[in-house]
Protein backbone atom coordinates (compact mmCIF):
# COMPACT_ATOMS: atom_id res chain seq x y z
CA MET A 1 -65.01 -72.25 101.40
CA ILE A 2 -62.62 -69.22 100.64
CA THR A 3 -64.54 -65.95 100.39
CA GLY A 4 -61.73 -63.50 99.75
CA GLU A 5 -61.44 -62.27 103.41
CA GLU A 6 -58.83 -64.65 104.33
CA ASN A 7 -55.20 -63.35 104.39
CA LEU A 8 -52.38 -65.16 102.46
CA MET A 9 -51.09 -67.18 105.56
CA GLN A 10 -54.41 -68.75 106.16
CA ILE A 11 -54.61 -69.77 102.62
CA ALA A 12 -51.20 -71.22 102.57
CA GLU A 13 -52.14 -73.10 105.69
CA LEU A 14 -54.74 -75.09 103.75
CA GLY A 15 -52.09 -76.67 101.42
CA SER A 16 -49.66 -76.32 98.69
CA GLU A 17 -52.35 -77.41 95.96
CA LEU A 18 -53.86 -73.86 96.26
CA ILE A 19 -50.42 -72.19 95.78
CA THR A 20 -50.24 -73.70 92.34
CA VAL A 21 -53.00 -71.32 91.17
CA PHE A 22 -51.34 -68.36 92.53
CA GLU A 23 -48.05 -69.28 90.81
CA LYS A 24 -49.74 -69.82 87.28
CA HIS A 25 -50.95 -66.25 87.82
CA GLY A 26 -47.46 -64.95 88.47
CA LEU A 27 -48.10 -64.45 92.34
CA GLY A 28 -46.02 -67.56 93.56
CA SER A 29 -43.32 -65.15 95.04
CA TYR A 30 -45.98 -64.10 97.58
CA PHE A 31 -45.78 -67.79 98.89
CA LYS A 32 -42.07 -68.12 99.64
CA SER A 33 -41.64 -68.55 103.17
CA GLU A 34 -39.32 -65.30 103.59
CA ASN A 35 -42.11 -63.08 101.75
CA LEU A 36 -45.16 -64.95 103.37
CA ASN A 37 -43.87 -64.44 106.77
CA LYS A 38 -43.55 -60.66 105.98
CA ILE A 39 -46.62 -59.83 104.49
CA GLY A 40 -48.69 -62.92 104.70
CA LYS A 41 -50.37 -62.28 108.00
CA PHE A 42 -51.98 -58.89 107.11
CA MET A 43 -52.55 -59.23 103.39
CA ARG A 44 -56.06 -60.28 102.46
CA LEU A 45 -56.60 -62.17 99.32
CA GLU A 46 -59.25 -59.95 98.07
CA SER A 47 -56.91 -56.86 98.07
CA LEU A 48 -54.16 -58.71 96.42
CA LEU A 49 -56.38 -59.79 93.68
CA LYS A 50 -57.62 -56.26 93.40
CA ALA A 51 -54.17 -54.73 93.35
CA LYS A 52 -53.01 -57.11 90.59
CA ASN A 53 -56.41 -56.63 88.57
CA ILE A 54 -57.15 -60.43 88.66
CA GLU A 55 -60.89 -61.18 88.47
CA ARG A 56 -61.96 -61.86 91.80
CA GLU A 57 -64.82 -64.58 91.36
CA ARG A 58 -63.15 -66.65 88.91
CA PHE A 59 -59.94 -66.78 90.86
CA ILE A 60 -61.84 -67.64 94.08
CA GLY A 61 -63.66 -70.12 92.29
CA MET A 62 -60.59 -72.01 91.16
CA LEU A 63 -59.68 -72.21 94.79
CA ASN A 64 -62.70 -73.52 96.04
CA GLN A 65 -62.92 -76.07 93.21
CA ILE A 66 -59.51 -77.36 94.50
CA ILE A 67 -60.78 -77.41 97.83
CA GLU A 68 -63.83 -79.50 96.92
CA ASP A 69 -61.87 -81.85 94.68
CA LYS A 70 -58.86 -82.52 96.80
CA GLY A 71 -61.19 -82.85 100.06
CA ILE A 72 -59.21 -80.02 101.93
CA GLU A 73 -60.20 -79.30 105.22
CA SER A 74 -61.39 -75.81 105.35
CA SER A 75 -63.31 -75.61 108.61
CA SER A 76 -65.08 -72.53 109.60
CA ASP A 77 -62.73 -72.44 112.71
CA LEU A 78 -59.67 -72.00 110.46
CA MET A 79 -61.20 -69.57 108.18
CA SER A 80 -62.73 -67.36 110.83
CA ILE A 81 -59.37 -66.99 112.70
CA GLN A 82 -58.28 -63.33 112.07
CA SER A 83 -54.65 -63.08 112.53
CA ASN A 84 -54.56 -59.15 111.90
CA LEU A 85 -51.60 -57.74 113.46
CA HIS A 86 -51.85 -55.57 116.54
CA PHE A 87 -48.45 -53.93 115.59
CA SER A 88 -46.33 -53.88 112.54
CA ALA A 89 -43.17 -51.97 111.99
CA MET A 90 -41.34 -51.66 108.55
CA LEU A 91 -38.25 -49.80 109.23
CA PRO A 92 -35.03 -48.58 107.42
CA CYS A 93 -32.30 -50.97 107.22
CA GLY A 94 -30.23 -49.17 109.66
CA LEU A 95 -32.86 -49.15 112.41
CA ARG A 96 -34.66 -52.59 111.78
CA ASN A 97 -32.50 -54.92 113.65
CA PRO A 98 -31.63 -52.89 116.60
CA PHE A 99 -35.41 -51.87 117.06
CA LYS A 100 -36.52 -55.60 116.64
CA GLU A 101 -33.88 -56.70 119.44
CA PHE A 102 -35.01 -53.75 121.47
CA PHE A 103 -38.63 -54.50 121.02
CA GLU A 104 -38.58 -58.07 121.61
CA GLY A 105 -36.67 -57.23 124.78
CA LEU A 106 -39.63 -55.47 126.06
CA ILE A 107 -41.90 -58.41 125.26
CA LEU A 108 -39.52 -61.08 126.97
CA ASP A 109 -39.38 -58.79 130.30
CA ASN A 110 -43.15 -58.44 130.29
CA PRO A 111 -44.78 -61.51 128.98
CA GLU A 112 -47.85 -61.13 131.15
CA ASP A 113 -48.69 -57.70 129.22
CA TYR A 114 -47.69 -58.91 125.73
CA ASN A 115 -48.14 -62.66 125.34
CA SER A 116 -51.16 -62.09 123.22
CA LEU A 117 -49.71 -59.41 121.06
CA ASN A 118 -49.47 -60.14 117.26
CA TYR A 119 -46.63 -58.18 115.81
CA LEU A 120 -44.29 -58.06 113.05
CA VAL A 121 -41.06 -56.21 112.91
CA GLU A 122 -39.33 -56.09 109.38
CA GLY A 123 -37.07 -53.91 107.09
CA ASN A 124 -38.89 -52.52 103.85
CA VAL A 125 -39.81 -55.64 101.77
CA ASN A 126 -38.23 -55.64 98.15
CA HIS A 127 -39.74 -53.53 95.65
CA GLU A 128 -41.69 -56.26 93.94
CA LEU A 129 -43.37 -57.67 97.00
CA SER A 130 -43.65 -54.46 98.97
CA TYR A 131 -46.67 -53.88 101.03
CA TYR A 132 -47.02 -50.24 100.30
CA PRO A 133 -48.36 -50.55 96.75
CA LEU A 134 -50.91 -52.92 98.04
CA LEU A 135 -52.24 -50.35 100.46
CA ASP A 136 -54.01 -48.70 97.46
CA SER A 137 -56.22 -51.67 97.24
CA ILE A 138 -57.24 -51.95 101.01
CA SER A 139 -60.72 -50.75 101.62
CA ASP A 140 -61.37 -52.08 105.03
CA GLU A 141 -59.58 -50.56 108.08
CA ASN A 142 -59.64 -54.24 109.81
CA GLU A 143 -56.97 -55.13 107.40
CA LEU A 144 -54.69 -52.71 108.94
CA PRO A 145 -52.65 -53.37 112.15
CA ASP A 146 -53.71 -51.38 115.26
CA ILE A 147 -50.18 -49.60 115.30
CA ILE A 148 -48.26 -49.20 112.12
CA LEU A 149 -44.57 -47.85 111.99
CA ALA A 150 -43.36 -47.43 108.44
CA SER A 151 -40.61 -45.53 106.56
CA ASP A 152 -40.30 -43.01 103.74
CA VAL A 153 -42.79 -41.12 101.78
CA ASN A 154 -44.67 -44.10 100.79
CA ASN A 155 -48.36 -45.24 99.98
CA PHE A 156 -49.61 -43.96 103.44
CA PHE A 157 -49.41 -40.61 101.89
CA HIS A 158 -51.10 -41.41 98.54
CA ARG A 159 -54.60 -40.08 97.90
CA PRO A 160 -56.23 -43.70 98.05
CA PHE A 161 -55.27 -44.35 101.65
CA ILE A 162 -55.50 -40.46 102.85
CA GLU A 163 -59.06 -40.48 101.46
CA LYS A 164 -60.08 -44.02 102.84
CA PHE A 165 -58.64 -43.79 106.33
CA VAL A 166 -56.84 -40.61 107.27
CA GLU A 167 -59.42 -37.99 106.11
CA LYS A 168 -62.04 -40.22 107.83
CA GLY A 169 -60.59 -39.90 111.14
CA VAL A 170 -59.10 -43.79 111.82
CA PHE A 171 -56.15 -42.47 113.01
CA GLN A 172 -54.78 -40.14 115.87
CA THR A 173 -51.47 -38.72 116.74
CA TYR A 174 -50.10 -40.08 120.05
CA THR A 175 -47.48 -37.43 121.54
CA PRO A 176 -48.11 -37.13 125.35
CA PHE A 177 -45.64 -34.16 125.43
CA THR A 178 -44.42 -31.42 123.64
CA PRO A 179 -42.15 -32.90 120.89
CA ASN A 180 -38.43 -32.54 120.99
CA ASN A 181 -37.60 -29.43 119.08
CA TYR A 182 -34.65 -30.97 116.85
CA LEU A 183 -37.02 -32.12 114.17
CA GLU A 184 -40.19 -30.03 115.25
CA LYS A 185 -38.27 -26.66 114.27
CA ALA A 186 -38.50 -27.97 110.77
CA GLY A 187 -42.34 -28.43 111.21
CA PHE A 188 -42.11 -32.33 111.55
CA ALA A 189 -45.26 -32.87 113.55
CA ASP A 190 -48.38 -33.40 111.57
CA PRO A 191 -50.70 -30.41 112.26
CA SER A 192 -53.84 -32.28 111.22
CA GLY A 193 -53.30 -34.59 114.09
CA ASN A 194 -53.14 -37.98 112.29
CA PHE A 195 -49.66 -39.10 111.87
CA THR A 196 -47.25 -39.48 114.69
CA MET A 197 -43.73 -38.40 113.45
CA LEU A 198 -41.65 -40.79 115.60
CA THR A 199 -38.08 -40.49 114.15
CA ALA A 200 -36.37 -40.23 110.59
CA ASN A 201 -33.62 -41.45 108.40
CA MET A 202 -31.32 -38.59 107.98
CA LEU A 203 -29.91 -38.48 104.53
CA ILE A 204 -26.52 -36.72 103.88
CA ILE A 205 -23.71 -36.48 101.36
CA VAL A 206 -20.17 -38.23 101.45
CA VAL A 207 -17.19 -37.03 99.20
CA ASP A 208 -14.60 -39.20 98.02
CA GLU A 209 -11.77 -36.44 98.27
CA ASP A 210 -9.27 -38.14 95.83
CA LYS A 211 -12.02 -38.47 93.38
CA LEU A 212 -13.30 -34.86 93.96
CA GLY A 213 -9.89 -33.47 92.94
CA ASP A 214 -9.51 -29.83 92.74
CA ARG A 215 -13.29 -29.21 92.19
CA LYS A 216 -15.29 -27.42 94.88
CA MET A 217 -16.42 -29.39 97.91
CA PRO A 218 -20.23 -29.52 97.78
CA SER A 219 -21.76 -27.89 100.66
CA LYS A 220 -25.54 -27.87 99.87
CA TRP A 221 -27.94 -30.27 97.99
CA SER A 222 -28.28 -27.90 94.94
CA ASP A 223 -24.18 -28.24 94.51
CA LEU A 224 -25.12 -31.77 93.43
CA LEU A 225 -26.72 -30.51 90.09
CA ASP A 226 -23.24 -29.20 88.92
CA PRO A 227 -22.50 -30.57 85.46
CA SER A 228 -18.96 -31.42 86.58
CA PHE A 229 -20.68 -34.20 88.87
CA LYS A 230 -22.12 -36.29 85.58
CA ASN A 231 -22.10 -39.72 86.33
CA GLU A 232 -20.28 -39.34 89.38
CA ILE A 233 -23.18 -39.62 92.11
CA ILE A 234 -24.44 -42.80 93.67
CA MET A 235 -27.42 -43.00 95.63
CA ARG A 236 -30.06 -45.41 97.30
CA GLY A 237 -31.53 -47.31 94.28
CA GLU A 238 -31.65 -50.53 92.18
CA ASP A 239 -32.77 -51.49 88.44
CA ASN A 240 -35.49 -48.74 87.70
CA PHE A 241 -36.17 -47.73 91.37
CA PHE A 242 -34.28 -44.65 92.93
CA CYS A 243 -35.03 -43.30 96.47
CA ASN A 244 -38.36 -41.08 96.54
CA ALA A 245 -37.05 -39.51 99.74
CA VAL A 246 -34.23 -37.77 97.80
CA MET A 247 -36.18 -37.20 94.52
CA LEU A 248 -39.25 -35.55 96.09
CA PRO A 249 -37.10 -32.76 97.77
CA PHE A 250 -35.06 -32.14 94.65
CA TYR A 251 -38.26 -31.82 92.68
CA LYS A 252 -39.69 -29.49 95.29
CA GLU A 253 -36.63 -27.30 95.00
CA ASN A 254 -35.64 -27.65 91.25
CA GLY A 255 -38.65 -28.89 89.51
CA PHE A 256 -38.37 -31.39 86.66
CA ASP A 257 -35.39 -29.73 85.24
CA GLY A 258 -33.57 -30.71 88.52
CA ILE A 259 -34.79 -34.25 88.21
CA ARG A 260 -33.41 -34.33 84.67
CA ILE A 261 -30.03 -33.11 85.91
CA MET A 262 -30.09 -35.46 88.63
CA ALA A 263 -30.53 -38.44 86.13
CA GLU A 264 -27.50 -37.41 84.26
CA ASN A 265 -25.41 -36.98 87.36
CA ILE A 266 -26.39 -40.42 89.07
CA ARG A 267 -23.79 -43.12 88.40
CA ALA A 268 -25.66 -45.82 90.10
CA GLY A 269 -28.17 -46.85 92.42
CA MET A 270 -27.23 -49.09 95.43
CA HIS A 271 -27.89 -50.31 98.86
CA PRO A 272 -26.29 -48.09 101.44
CA ALA A 273 -24.22 -50.99 102.70
CA GLU A 274 -22.51 -51.31 99.42
CA MET A 275 -21.74 -47.56 99.45
CA VAL A 276 -19.93 -47.80 102.70
CA LYS A 277 -17.60 -50.29 101.37
CA LEU A 278 -16.90 -48.21 98.09
CA ALA A 279 -16.71 -44.64 99.76
CA GLY A 280 -13.21 -43.58 99.88
CA SER A 281 -12.04 -46.60 98.28
CA ASN A 282 -10.93 -45.15 94.89
CA ARG A 283 -12.49 -48.29 93.09
CA GLU A 284 -13.56 -47.78 89.70
CA GLU A 285 -17.20 -48.69 90.07
CA GLY A 286 -17.28 -45.95 93.12
CA GLY A 287 -18.55 -42.47 92.71
CA THR A 288 -17.19 -39.01 93.58
CA ILE A 289 -20.45 -38.38 95.64
CA TYR A 290 -22.70 -40.63 97.73
CA ILE A 291 -26.27 -39.70 99.01
CA MET A 292 -26.74 -41.94 101.97
CA PRO A 293 -28.07 -42.24 105.49
CA TYR A 294 -26.29 -40.67 108.32
CA PHE A 295 -26.34 -44.01 110.24
CA PHE A 296 -24.52 -45.91 107.14
CA ALA A 297 -22.13 -42.90 106.79
CA LYS A 298 -20.77 -43.09 110.13
CA ARG A 299 -19.85 -46.54 109.51
CA ILE A 300 -17.43 -45.55 106.72
CA LYS A 301 -13.90 -46.48 107.92
CA ASN A 302 -11.81 -45.05 104.78
CA LYS A 303 -10.55 -41.57 105.94
CA LYS A 304 -10.61 -40.20 102.25
CA ALA A 305 -14.42 -40.21 102.43
CA ARG A 306 -15.64 -37.09 103.95
CA ILE A 307 -19.14 -36.78 105.43
CA ILE A 308 -20.95 -33.60 104.50
CA TRP A 309 -23.89 -32.48 106.60
CA PRO A 310 -25.35 -30.08 103.99
CA GLU A 311 -25.71 -26.27 105.13
CA ASP A 312 -29.41 -26.45 103.99
CA GLY A 313 -29.77 -29.61 106.20
CA ALA A 314 -30.03 -33.23 106.12
CA ILE A 315 -32.98 -34.57 104.20
CA VAL A 316 -35.57 -35.89 106.68
CA SER A 317 -36.85 -39.11 105.45
CA PRO A 318 -39.72 -39.94 107.93
CA VAL A 319 -40.24 -42.82 110.07
CA PHE A 320 -43.88 -42.31 111.40
CA MET A 321 -46.38 -44.11 113.28
CA LEU A 322 -50.13 -44.55 112.56
CA VAL A 323 -52.45 -45.42 115.58
CA LYS A 324 -55.99 -46.24 115.28
CA LYS A 325 -57.93 -43.94 117.30
CA ASP A 326 -60.20 -46.64 118.93
CA LYS A 327 -57.32 -48.58 120.05
CA ILE A 328 -55.27 -46.21 121.84
CA GLU A 329 -56.52 -47.40 125.38
CA LYS A 330 -55.77 -50.91 124.36
CA HIS A 331 -52.25 -50.44 123.55
CA GLN A 332 -51.57 -47.71 126.13
CA ALA A 333 -48.54 -49.25 127.49
CA LEU A 334 -46.89 -50.18 124.11
CA LEU A 335 -47.47 -46.60 122.74
CA ASP A 336 -45.65 -45.03 125.92
CA PHE A 337 -42.96 -47.35 125.19
CA LEU A 338 -42.53 -46.41 121.56
CA VAL A 339 -42.45 -42.58 122.56
CA SER A 340 -40.28 -43.15 125.60
CA LYS A 341 -36.95 -41.69 126.30
CA LYS A 342 -35.51 -45.04 126.40
CA THR A 343 -36.67 -45.80 123.01
CA GLY A 344 -35.51 -42.25 121.84
CA GLU A 345 -32.16 -42.97 123.14
CA MET A 346 -32.05 -46.23 121.37
CA PHE A 347 -32.69 -44.08 118.11
CA VAL A 348 -30.21 -41.31 118.94
CA GLY A 349 -27.46 -44.19 119.45
CA ARG A 350 -28.13 -45.27 116.01
CA TYR A 351 -28.08 -41.87 114.52
CA PHE A 352 -31.87 -41.79 114.23
CA PRO A 353 -33.37 -38.35 115.76
CA SER A 354 -36.19 -38.65 118.52
CA ILE A 355 -39.21 -36.74 119.39
CA ASN A 356 -38.97 -37.36 122.99
CA PRO A 357 -38.27 -33.96 124.65
CA ASP A 358 -35.75 -35.48 127.18
CA VAL A 359 -33.43 -36.93 124.69
CA SER A 360 -30.27 -34.98 123.62
CA HIS A 361 -29.33 -34.45 120.22
CA SER A 362 -26.03 -32.95 120.94
CA ASP A 363 -24.17 -35.25 118.64
CA PHE A 364 -26.43 -34.29 115.72
CA PRO A 365 -25.55 -31.11 113.42
CA ILE A 366 -28.28 -28.56 113.72
CA GLU A 367 -29.91 -28.05 110.08
CA THR A 368 -32.48 -30.29 108.93
CA SER A 369 -34.73 -30.30 105.71
CA TRP A 370 -38.28 -31.71 105.72
CA LEU A 371 -40.50 -31.63 102.87
CA GLY A 372 -43.24 -30.23 104.84
CA TRP A 373 -46.99 -30.77 105.24
CA ASP A 374 -47.99 -28.19 102.82
CA PHE A 375 -46.26 -30.22 100.03
CA LEU A 376 -47.38 -33.31 101.03
CA THR A 377 -51.24 -32.04 101.26
CA ASN A 378 -51.11 -29.98 98.26
CA ASN A 379 -49.85 -32.57 95.84
CA ASP A 380 -51.22 -35.98 94.79
CA ILE A 381 -47.81 -37.87 96.09
CA GLY A 382 -48.49 -41.17 94.38
CA LYS A 383 -49.07 -39.37 90.96
CA LEU A 384 -46.28 -36.82 91.43
CA LYS A 385 -43.74 -39.83 92.32
CA ASP A 386 -44.87 -41.70 89.13
CA GLU A 387 -44.17 -38.38 87.27
CA ILE A 388 -40.86 -37.92 88.74
CA ARG A 389 -39.94 -41.50 88.04
CA GLU A 390 -41.08 -41.10 84.48
CA VAL A 391 -38.87 -38.12 83.83
CA PHE A 392 -36.01 -39.52 85.53
CA MET A 393 -35.89 -42.67 83.96
CA GLU A 394 -36.49 -41.16 80.32
CA VAL A 395 -32.94 -39.36 80.72
CA TRP A 396 -31.43 -42.47 82.75
CA ASN A 397 -32.61 -44.88 79.85
CA SER A 398 -31.31 -42.78 77.05
CA LYS A 399 -27.87 -42.27 79.00
CA THR A 400 -27.55 -46.18 79.37
CA VAL A 401 -28.42 -46.77 75.65
CA LEU A 402 -25.85 -44.24 74.53
CA SER A 403 -23.17 -45.67 77.02
């Protein structure tokens, strides 16, 4: 019988009859193959129900009634198998594919060492089905992979996760060296010894010189608040979501007034791959200014698009690692690979910096801008992100209605 401890993949394996119950409760999307393969292995039923405010006993009762009525085999062997991940990586688009190929090369070359490793390497799942919001409902550390790579200032920095796991000493930083000074000079390393700050998605400015005209070329982030750029900036986003990695630094430096001005100046939210095609194209739907990852900016072919590394530094959107303290010895070889010079050089080759001290950053401009641990520690990040979004969307929606 189902108890709530099972993950979604295990439930799916019991048969399609059970999935109809999820569909009736608006949860059918979690069982589409592309989504089930991403988060089904490490999302427990109990946590999903808690996150969606669905009454646990009644829902599980319906599932067990179907099992009984249909005579579905739910042997103790199947339901006791834990397919918890040893290693999961949810990475920025520019890093996901090269990292997956690089990582799976390690496994193919060393099958005797990694044949029992249960792993998942994915880009960030879409916002509706993102694993990150579900973290707020997880209460058992056994639901978490032994090693986690994740991107952006997400729910791993929110109070529920910090209080339930980080502050209780579940994780430990893994840096068997003095980190490379490239990011460290901005205070990137976690002083509390919990997060391993592995690399970063570097966000910069791209300007369409034709559309800029005779206006002053922006040279720092605050220049984007100039009223002359109203409705002329494109950044990562979609529908009612805009990139937290940009919004949080703008709030830190300019408060909610800065967020309101950004809402006036933003023309659209797009995936960076779309920006690559638009930047410098002079197409009507394009913008004068783009806020985008350095990786994507380096792919722009149009010479009318000028890459600006701001004087006050590229915004450092973190790609970090969480390692369970009691699993370090078990995964020592894998951890050494993840922080190795070889991995660091792969990062740098894709325009992502490395913390390995032996990796050169000679092709990277010097200045970087990191939110800082004081800001992350002294603010309720989850609540603050909601407040920023509310302020931004109030202006954004009124602008949309007026247009």
